[in-house]
N, C-alpha and C. Protein backbone atom coordinates (compact mmCIF):
# COMPACT_ATOMS: atom_id res chain seq x y z
N MET A 1 -0.43 -24.76 -1.23
CA MET A 1 -1.67 -24.14 -1.65
C MET A 1 -1.35 -23.10 -2.71
N THR A 2 -2.08 -23.12 -3.81
CA THR A 2 -1.83 -22.17 -4.90
C THR A 2 -2.52 -20.84 -4.64
N THR A 3 -2.08 -19.83 -5.37
CA THR A 3 -2.71 -18.52 -5.25
C THR A 3 -4.18 -18.61 -5.62
N GLU A 4 -4.51 -19.41 -6.66
CA GLU A 4 -5.90 -19.56 -7.06
C GLU A 4 -6.74 -20.14 -5.92
N THR A 5 -6.20 -21.14 -5.22
CA THR A 5 -6.91 -21.75 -4.11
C THR A 5 -7.10 -20.73 -2.98
N ILE A 6 -6.06 -19.98 -2.68
CA ILE A 6 -6.16 -18.97 -1.63
C ILE A 6 -7.22 -17.94 -1.98
N LEU A 7 -7.25 -17.52 -3.23
CA LEU A 7 -8.20 -16.48 -3.64
C LEU A 7 -9.64 -16.96 -3.66
N GLU A 8 -9.85 -18.27 -3.59
CA GLU A 8 -11.21 -18.78 -3.55
C GLU A 8 -11.74 -18.94 -2.13
N ARG A 9 -10.92 -18.67 -1.14
CA ARG A 9 -11.41 -18.71 0.24
C ARG A 9 -12.48 -17.65 0.42
N PRO A 10 -13.48 -17.92 1.27
CA PRO A 10 -14.58 -16.97 1.45
C PRO A 10 -14.12 -15.56 1.84
N GLY A 11 -13.09 -15.44 2.67
CA GLY A 11 -12.63 -14.12 3.08
C GLY A 11 -12.10 -13.29 1.92
N HIS A 12 -11.40 -13.94 1.00
CA HIS A 12 -10.87 -13.23 -0.15
C HIS A 12 -11.98 -12.86 -1.13
N ARG A 13 -12.98 -13.72 -1.28
CA ARG A 13 -14.14 -13.40 -2.12
C ARG A 13 -14.84 -12.18 -1.57
N ALA A 14 -14.96 -12.12 -0.24
CA ALA A 14 -15.64 -10.99 0.40
C ALA A 14 -14.89 -9.68 0.15
N LEU A 15 -13.56 -9.74 0.11
CA LEU A 15 -12.78 -8.53 -0.17
C LEU A 15 -13.04 -8.01 -1.58
N ARG A 16 -13.32 -8.93 -2.52
CA ARG A 16 -13.55 -8.53 -3.91
C ARG A 16 -15.00 -8.13 -4.18
N LYS A 17 -15.91 -8.54 -3.33
CA LYS A 17 -17.33 -8.28 -3.55
C LYS A 17 -17.60 -6.78 -3.57
N GLY A 18 -18.22 -6.33 -4.63
CA GLY A 18 -18.58 -4.93 -4.75
C GLY A 18 -17.42 -4.01 -5.11
N ARG A 19 -16.24 -4.57 -5.36
CA ARG A 19 -15.08 -3.74 -5.71
C ARG A 19 -15.32 -3.11 -7.07
N SER A 20 -15.06 -1.83 -7.15
CA SER A 20 -15.20 -1.14 -8.42
C SER A 20 -13.94 -0.32 -8.67
N SER A 21 -13.79 0.12 -9.89
CA SER A 21 -12.66 0.95 -10.28
C SER A 21 -13.20 2.14 -11.05
N THR A 22 -13.25 3.27 -10.39
CA THR A 22 -13.81 4.46 -11.00
C THR A 22 -12.71 5.50 -11.19
N PRO A 23 -12.44 5.90 -12.43
CA PRO A 23 -11.44 6.95 -12.64
C PRO A 23 -11.78 8.21 -11.84
N GLY A 24 -10.76 8.80 -11.22
CA GLY A 24 -10.95 9.99 -10.40
C GLY A 24 -11.32 9.70 -8.96
N GLN A 25 -11.69 8.44 -8.67
CA GLN A 25 -12.08 8.03 -7.32
C GLN A 25 -10.84 7.88 -6.45
N ILE A 26 -10.95 8.27 -5.18
CA ILE A 26 -9.86 8.07 -4.23
C ILE A 26 -10.16 6.82 -3.41
N TYR A 27 -9.15 5.97 -3.30
CA TYR A 27 -9.27 4.71 -2.57
C TYR A 27 -8.27 4.66 -1.42
N PHE A 28 -8.73 4.14 -0.31
CA PHE A 28 -7.86 3.82 0.82
C PHE A 28 -7.54 2.34 0.66
N VAL A 29 -6.27 2.01 0.47
CA VAL A 29 -5.84 0.64 0.17
C VAL A 29 -4.90 0.15 1.26
N THR A 30 -5.10 -1.09 1.69
CA THR A 30 -4.20 -1.73 2.63
C THR A 30 -3.82 -3.10 2.08
N THR A 31 -2.54 -3.40 2.09
CA THR A 31 -2.08 -4.73 1.73
C THR A 31 -1.06 -5.17 2.78
N VAL A 32 -1.12 -6.43 3.14
CA VAL A 32 -0.25 -6.95 4.20
C VAL A 32 0.77 -7.91 3.62
N THR A 33 1.86 -8.08 4.34
CA THR A 33 2.90 -9.01 3.90
C THR A 33 2.41 -10.44 4.10
N HIS A 34 3.05 -11.33 3.38
CA HIS A 34 2.74 -12.76 3.48
C HIS A 34 2.96 -13.23 4.92
N GLY A 35 1.93 -13.79 5.53
CA GLY A 35 2.03 -14.27 6.90
C GLY A 35 2.25 -13.16 7.92
N ARG A 36 1.99 -11.92 7.52
CA ARG A 36 2.23 -10.73 8.36
C ARG A 36 3.68 -10.66 8.86
N GLU A 37 4.58 -11.23 8.06
CA GLU A 37 6.00 -11.18 8.42
C GLU A 37 6.47 -9.72 8.40
N PRO A 38 7.19 -9.27 9.41
CA PRO A 38 7.64 -7.88 9.46
C PRO A 38 8.86 -7.62 8.56
N ILE A 39 8.68 -7.90 7.29
CA ILE A 39 9.76 -7.78 6.29
C ILE A 39 10.38 -6.39 6.31
N PHE A 40 9.52 -5.37 6.41
CA PHE A 40 9.99 -4.00 6.29
C PHE A 40 10.43 -3.42 7.64
N GLY A 41 10.62 -4.29 8.61
CA GLY A 41 11.28 -3.91 9.85
C GLY A 41 12.78 -3.76 9.62
N ASP A 42 13.25 -4.30 8.51
CA ASP A 42 14.64 -4.16 8.08
C ASP A 42 14.81 -2.76 7.48
N TRP A 43 15.57 -1.91 8.16
CA TRP A 43 15.72 -0.50 7.79
C TRP A 43 16.18 -0.33 6.34
N SER A 44 17.20 -1.07 5.95
CA SER A 44 17.75 -0.96 4.60
C SER A 44 16.71 -1.33 3.55
N LEU A 45 16.01 -2.41 3.78
CA LEU A 45 14.98 -2.87 2.85
C LEU A 45 13.83 -1.86 2.77
N ALA A 46 13.39 -1.37 3.92
CA ALA A 46 12.30 -0.40 3.95
C ALA A 46 12.69 0.90 3.24
N THR A 47 13.94 1.31 3.38
CA THR A 47 14.42 2.52 2.71
C THR A 47 14.31 2.39 1.20
N GLY A 48 14.76 1.27 0.68
CA GLY A 48 14.67 1.02 -0.76
C GLY A 48 13.23 0.96 -1.24
N MET A 49 12.38 0.31 -0.46
CA MET A 49 10.97 0.20 -0.85
C MET A 49 10.27 1.56 -0.80
N ALA A 50 10.63 2.38 0.19
CA ALA A 50 10.04 3.72 0.29
C ALA A 50 10.37 4.54 -0.95
N ARG A 51 11.59 4.42 -1.46
CA ARG A 51 11.96 5.14 -2.69
C ARG A 51 11.09 4.68 -3.85
N LEU A 52 10.88 3.37 -3.96
CA LEU A 52 10.04 2.84 -5.04
C LEU A 52 8.58 3.30 -4.89
N ILE A 53 8.05 3.18 -3.69
CA ILE A 53 6.65 3.54 -3.45
C ILE A 53 6.41 5.01 -3.79
N GLY A 54 7.35 5.86 -3.43
CA GLY A 54 7.19 7.29 -3.68
C GLY A 54 7.45 7.73 -5.10
N ASN A 55 7.89 6.83 -5.97
CA ASN A 55 8.18 7.17 -7.35
C ASN A 55 6.88 7.23 -8.16
N PRO A 56 6.53 8.40 -8.70
CA PRO A 56 5.28 8.54 -9.45
C PRO A 56 5.17 7.56 -10.63
N ALA A 57 6.28 7.15 -11.22
CA ALA A 57 6.24 6.23 -12.35
C ALA A 57 5.61 4.89 -11.96
N LEU A 58 5.77 4.49 -10.70
CA LEU A 58 5.19 3.22 -10.24
C LEU A 58 3.67 3.24 -10.36
N TRP A 59 3.07 4.40 -10.23
CA TRP A 59 1.61 4.50 -10.16
C TRP A 59 0.97 4.75 -11.53
N ARG A 60 1.76 4.89 -12.57
CA ARG A 60 1.31 4.97 -13.98
C ARG A 60 0.08 5.85 -14.20
N GLY A 61 0.17 7.08 -13.86
CA GLY A 61 -0.94 7.99 -14.12
C GLY A 61 -1.89 8.14 -12.96
N SER A 62 -1.98 7.16 -12.10
CA SER A 62 -2.76 7.33 -10.88
C SER A 62 -1.93 8.16 -9.91
N LYS A 63 -2.56 8.74 -8.92
CA LYS A 63 -1.86 9.68 -8.02
C LYS A 63 -1.84 9.10 -6.61
N LEU A 64 -0.64 8.88 -6.10
CA LEU A 64 -0.45 8.45 -4.72
C LEU A 64 -0.53 9.70 -3.85
N LEU A 65 -1.54 9.80 -2.99
CA LEU A 65 -1.76 10.99 -2.19
C LEU A 65 -1.08 10.90 -0.83
N SER A 66 -1.08 9.74 -0.24
CA SER A 66 -0.50 9.54 1.09
C SER A 66 -0.21 8.05 1.25
N TRP A 67 0.87 7.74 1.97
CA TRP A 67 1.20 6.33 2.18
C TRP A 67 2.08 6.18 3.41
N VAL A 68 2.06 4.97 3.96
CA VAL A 68 2.98 4.60 5.03
C VAL A 68 3.34 3.13 4.84
N LEU A 69 4.62 2.84 4.92
CA LEU A 69 5.11 1.46 4.87
C LEU A 69 5.42 1.03 6.29
N MET A 70 4.64 0.11 6.80
CA MET A 70 4.83 -0.44 8.13
C MET A 70 5.63 -1.74 8.02
N PRO A 71 6.14 -2.26 9.12
CA PRO A 71 6.92 -3.50 9.03
C PRO A 71 6.19 -4.64 8.31
N ASP A 72 4.86 -4.72 8.48
CA ASP A 72 4.14 -5.84 7.88
C ASP A 72 2.96 -5.44 7.00
N HIS A 73 2.86 -4.18 6.62
CA HIS A 73 1.80 -3.78 5.71
C HIS A 73 2.05 -2.40 5.10
N LEU A 74 1.26 -2.11 4.09
CA LEU A 74 1.31 -0.82 3.40
C LEU A 74 -0.09 -0.24 3.38
N HIS A 75 -0.22 1.02 3.80
CA HIS A 75 -1.46 1.79 3.66
C HIS A 75 -1.20 2.83 2.59
N ALA A 76 -2.19 3.08 1.74
CA ALA A 76 -2.04 4.12 0.72
C ALA A 76 -3.39 4.75 0.40
N LEU A 77 -3.35 6.03 0.15
CA LEU A 77 -4.49 6.75 -0.44
C LEU A 77 -4.11 7.00 -1.89
N VAL A 78 -4.91 6.49 -2.81
CA VAL A 78 -4.60 6.57 -4.23
C VAL A 78 -5.80 7.11 -4.98
N ARG A 79 -5.54 8.10 -5.85
CA ARG A 79 -6.59 8.56 -6.76
C ARG A 79 -6.37 7.82 -8.07
N LEU A 80 -7.37 7.07 -8.48
CA LEU A 80 -7.27 6.22 -9.67
C LEU A 80 -7.48 7.08 -10.91
N ASP A 81 -6.38 7.46 -11.56
CA ASP A 81 -6.45 8.32 -12.74
C ASP A 81 -5.93 7.64 -14.00
N GLY A 82 -5.22 6.55 -13.86
CA GLY A 82 -4.63 5.88 -15.01
C GLY A 82 -5.64 4.98 -15.70
N GLU A 83 -5.14 4.17 -16.61
CA GLU A 83 -5.99 3.26 -17.37
C GLU A 83 -6.22 1.93 -16.68
N GLU A 84 -5.46 1.64 -15.62
CA GLU A 84 -5.60 0.36 -14.92
C GLU A 84 -6.78 0.39 -13.97
N THR A 85 -7.38 -0.78 -13.76
CA THR A 85 -8.37 -0.91 -12.70
C THR A 85 -7.63 -0.89 -11.37
N LEU A 86 -8.35 -0.69 -10.29
CA LEU A 86 -7.71 -0.70 -8.97
C LEU A 86 -7.02 -2.03 -8.72
N GLY A 87 -7.69 -3.13 -9.04
CA GLY A 87 -7.11 -4.45 -8.83
C GLY A 87 -5.81 -4.64 -9.60
N LYS A 88 -5.80 -4.22 -10.85
CA LYS A 88 -4.57 -4.37 -11.67
C LYS A 88 -3.46 -3.45 -11.16
N LEU A 89 -3.82 -2.24 -10.75
CA LEU A 89 -2.83 -1.32 -10.22
C LEU A 89 -2.17 -1.90 -8.98
N VAL A 90 -2.97 -2.34 -8.02
CA VAL A 90 -2.43 -2.87 -6.78
C VAL A 90 -1.62 -4.14 -7.04
N LYS A 91 -2.11 -5.00 -7.91
CA LYS A 91 -1.38 -6.23 -8.23
C LYS A 91 -0.01 -5.90 -8.83
N ARG A 92 0.03 -4.93 -9.75
CA ARG A 92 1.29 -4.56 -10.38
C ARG A 92 2.25 -3.91 -9.38
N VAL A 93 1.73 -3.01 -8.55
CA VAL A 93 2.58 -2.36 -7.54
C VAL A 93 3.16 -3.40 -6.59
N LYS A 94 2.32 -4.32 -6.12
CA LYS A 94 2.81 -5.37 -5.23
C LYS A 94 3.86 -6.23 -5.92
N SER A 95 3.67 -6.51 -7.20
CA SER A 95 4.62 -7.33 -7.95
C SER A 95 5.97 -6.62 -8.08
N VAL A 96 5.95 -5.35 -8.44
CA VAL A 96 7.20 -4.58 -8.57
C VAL A 96 7.93 -4.54 -7.23
N LEU A 97 7.20 -4.27 -6.16
CA LEU A 97 7.82 -4.22 -4.83
C LEU A 97 8.37 -5.59 -4.42
N ALA A 98 7.61 -6.65 -4.70
CA ALA A 98 8.06 -8.01 -4.35
C ALA A 98 9.33 -8.38 -5.11
N GLN A 99 9.39 -8.03 -6.38
CA GLN A 99 10.59 -8.32 -7.17
C GLN A 99 11.80 -7.58 -6.58
N ALA A 100 11.59 -6.34 -6.19
CA ALA A 100 12.70 -5.56 -5.59
C ALA A 100 13.14 -6.16 -4.26
N VAL A 101 12.17 -6.58 -3.44
CA VAL A 101 12.50 -7.21 -2.15
C VAL A 101 13.31 -8.48 -2.39
N ASN A 102 12.86 -9.31 -3.32
CA ASN A 102 13.54 -10.57 -3.57
C ASN A 102 14.92 -10.37 -4.20
N ARG A 103 15.07 -9.33 -5.02
CA ARG A 103 16.41 -9.01 -5.54
C ARG A 103 17.34 -8.64 -4.39
N GLU A 104 16.83 -7.80 -3.50
CA GLU A 104 17.63 -7.34 -2.36
C GLU A 104 17.99 -8.49 -1.42
N ARG A 105 17.04 -9.38 -1.20
CA ARG A 105 17.26 -10.48 -0.26
C ARG A 105 17.84 -11.72 -0.92
N GLY A 106 17.91 -11.73 -2.25
CA GLY A 106 18.48 -12.87 -2.95
C GLY A 106 17.61 -14.11 -2.86
N GLY A 107 16.32 -13.95 -2.99
CA GLY A 107 15.43 -15.11 -2.92
C GLY A 107 14.22 -14.94 -3.81
N PHE A 108 13.27 -15.86 -3.66
CA PHE A 108 12.04 -15.83 -4.43
C PHE A 108 10.84 -16.09 -3.53
N ASP A 109 10.94 -15.66 -2.28
CA ASP A 109 9.88 -15.91 -1.32
C ASP A 109 8.69 -14.99 -1.56
N PRO A 110 7.49 -15.44 -1.18
CA PRO A 110 6.33 -14.54 -1.28
C PRO A 110 6.54 -13.34 -0.36
N VAL A 111 6.16 -12.17 -0.83
CA VAL A 111 6.31 -10.95 -0.04
C VAL A 111 4.95 -10.49 0.47
N TRP A 112 3.94 -10.49 -0.38
CA TRP A 112 2.62 -9.97 -0.04
C TRP A 112 1.58 -11.08 0.06
N ALA A 113 0.61 -10.89 0.92
CA ALA A 113 -0.56 -11.75 0.93
C ALA A 113 -1.28 -11.52 -0.41
N PRO A 114 -2.00 -12.51 -0.91
CA PRO A 114 -2.57 -12.39 -2.26
C PRO A 114 -3.68 -11.34 -2.41
N ALA A 115 -4.37 -11.00 -1.37
CA ALA A 115 -5.49 -10.07 -1.50
C ALA A 115 -5.09 -8.69 -0.95
N PHE A 116 -6.02 -7.74 -1.04
CA PHE A 116 -5.84 -6.43 -0.43
C PHE A 116 -7.20 -5.90 -0.04
N HIS A 117 -7.20 -4.94 0.86
CA HIS A 117 -8.44 -4.30 1.30
C HIS A 117 -8.49 -2.91 0.68
N ASP A 118 -9.68 -2.50 0.26
CA ASP A 118 -9.82 -1.14 -0.23
C ASP A 118 -11.15 -0.56 0.22
N ARG A 119 -11.16 0.75 0.26
CA ARG A 119 -12.39 1.47 0.56
C ARG A 119 -12.41 2.70 -0.35
N ALA A 120 -13.46 2.83 -1.14
CA ALA A 120 -13.63 4.02 -1.96
C ALA A 120 -14.13 5.14 -1.04
N LEU A 121 -13.46 6.26 -1.07
CA LEU A 121 -13.87 7.38 -0.22
C LEU A 121 -14.96 8.17 -0.92
N ARG A 122 -15.94 8.56 -0.15
CA ARG A 122 -17.05 9.35 -0.69
C ARG A 122 -16.65 10.82 -0.73
N GLU A 123 -17.38 11.60 -1.50
CA GLU A 123 -17.09 13.03 -1.60
C GLU A 123 -17.11 13.71 -0.24
N GLU A 124 -17.99 13.27 0.64
CA GLU A 124 -18.10 13.94 1.94
C GLU A 124 -17.01 13.50 2.93
N ASP A 125 -16.28 12.43 2.58
CA ASP A 125 -15.17 12.02 3.44
C ASP A 125 -14.08 13.09 3.40
N ASP A 126 -13.49 13.35 4.51
CA ASP A 126 -12.39 14.30 4.57
C ASP A 126 -11.10 13.56 4.21
N ILE A 127 -10.60 13.81 3.02
CA ILE A 127 -9.43 13.10 2.51
C ILE A 127 -8.22 13.35 3.40
N LYS A 128 -8.05 14.56 3.88
CA LYS A 128 -6.89 14.85 4.74
C LYS A 128 -6.99 14.10 6.07
N THR A 129 -8.21 13.86 6.56
CA THR A 129 -8.37 13.06 7.78
C THR A 129 -7.87 11.64 7.53
N PHE A 130 -8.19 11.07 6.38
CA PHE A 130 -7.70 9.74 6.03
C PHE A 130 -6.17 9.76 5.89
N ALA A 131 -5.64 10.83 5.30
CA ALA A 131 -4.18 10.94 5.15
C ALA A 131 -3.53 10.97 6.53
N ARG A 132 -4.11 11.72 7.45
CA ARG A 132 -3.56 11.76 8.82
C ARG A 132 -3.62 10.38 9.47
N TYR A 133 -4.72 9.67 9.24
CA TYR A 133 -4.85 8.31 9.77
C TYR A 133 -3.72 7.43 9.23
N VAL A 134 -3.47 7.54 7.93
CA VAL A 134 -2.43 6.74 7.29
C VAL A 134 -1.07 7.03 7.92
N ILE A 135 -0.69 8.30 7.99
CA ILE A 135 0.66 8.61 8.46
C ILE A 135 0.83 8.50 9.97
N ALA A 136 -0.29 8.44 10.70
CA ALA A 136 -0.20 8.26 12.15
C ALA A 136 -0.12 6.78 12.55
N ASN A 137 -0.18 5.89 11.58
CA ASN A 137 -0.14 4.46 11.87
C ASN A 137 1.07 4.04 12.70
N PRO A 138 2.27 4.54 12.43
CA PRO A 138 3.43 4.15 13.25
C PRO A 138 3.31 4.60 14.71
N VAL A 139 2.61 5.72 14.96
CA VAL A 139 2.39 6.18 16.33
C VAL A 139 1.43 5.23 17.03
N ARG A 140 0.32 4.89 16.36
CA ARG A 140 -0.65 3.96 16.95
C ARG A 140 -0.03 2.60 17.22
N ALA A 141 0.92 2.19 16.37
CA ALA A 141 1.59 0.89 16.54
C ALA A 141 2.68 0.92 17.59
N GLY A 142 2.98 2.12 18.12
CA GLY A 142 4.01 2.23 19.15
C GLY A 142 5.43 2.23 18.62
N LEU A 143 5.60 2.43 17.32
CA LEU A 143 6.95 2.44 16.74
C LEU A 143 7.68 3.75 17.00
N VAL A 144 6.91 4.85 17.08
CA VAL A 144 7.47 6.18 17.34
C VAL A 144 6.46 6.97 18.17
N SER A 145 6.90 8.06 18.75
CA SER A 145 5.96 8.88 19.52
C SER A 145 5.36 10.00 18.68
N ARG A 146 6.02 10.36 17.57
CA ARG A 146 5.50 11.37 16.66
C ARG A 146 5.61 10.84 15.23
N ALA A 147 4.60 11.11 14.41
CA ALA A 147 4.62 10.62 13.03
C ALA A 147 5.86 11.09 12.28
N GLY A 148 6.29 12.32 12.55
CA GLY A 148 7.46 12.87 11.87
C GLY A 148 8.75 12.13 12.17
N ASP A 149 8.75 11.30 13.23
CA ASP A 149 9.94 10.52 13.58
C ASP A 149 10.05 9.23 12.76
N TYR A 150 9.00 8.87 12.06
CA TYR A 150 8.99 7.64 11.26
C TYR A 150 9.33 8.02 9.82
N PRO A 151 10.32 7.38 9.21
CA PRO A 151 10.79 7.85 7.90
C PRO A 151 10.06 7.30 6.67
N PHE A 152 9.20 6.30 6.83
CA PHE A 152 8.68 5.61 5.65
C PHE A 152 7.23 5.98 5.36
N TRP A 153 7.01 7.26 5.06
CA TRP A 153 5.68 7.75 4.71
C TRP A 153 5.82 9.06 3.94
N ASP A 154 4.73 9.46 3.33
CA ASP A 154 4.69 10.74 2.64
C ASP A 154 3.24 11.11 2.38
N ALA A 155 3.00 12.37 2.10
CA ALA A 155 1.68 12.89 1.75
C ALA A 155 1.86 14.08 0.83
N VAL A 156 1.01 14.21 -0.17
CA VAL A 156 1.14 15.29 -1.15
C VAL A 156 0.91 16.67 -0.55
N TRP A 157 0.33 16.74 0.63
CA TRP A 157 0.01 18.02 1.24
C TRP A 157 1.21 18.65 1.93
N LEU A 158 2.32 17.91 2.00
CA LEU A 158 3.53 18.45 2.61
C LEU A 158 4.27 19.31 1.60
N PRO A 159 4.87 20.41 2.03
CA PRO A 159 5.64 21.22 1.08
C PRO A 159 6.89 20.46 0.62
N SER A 160 7.26 20.68 -0.61
CA SER A 160 8.47 20.04 -1.15
C SER A 160 9.70 20.63 -0.48
N ALA A 161 10.68 19.79 -0.26
CA ALA A 161 11.93 20.26 0.36
C ALA A 161 12.80 20.95 -0.64
């Protein structure tokens, strides 16, 4: 099945329906691995990906506010400030990460599912509440008992070391 065929499935169309890209808007974005494979359960691989995700250059002018890399998905809060649309930004980020994964693993396997979920946060939404939700994901998943025990996340509200 081709990517074009997958993207024409009703569920993927529904994810794109009403999607907008507004500069200055904060988006809660989730993307899952291909087949929900726990690719990032591999500590070494997740460590390398966390370095890439946290690199401001990857986001090209947009601002990554909070993120967590789970074994089979990525959650991120992103303020869209660059020239890319949200769709192009997420597609490019997923592509860069997939290339790095495949270099590390020595293959050309799909890394990410073709679509992603997003939610534009309204002004009245508490952005820090969403950030806490993002970084508490490993606790809810039972991977750790405290968010601080999980190494693959960050938030701009934390003081620099």
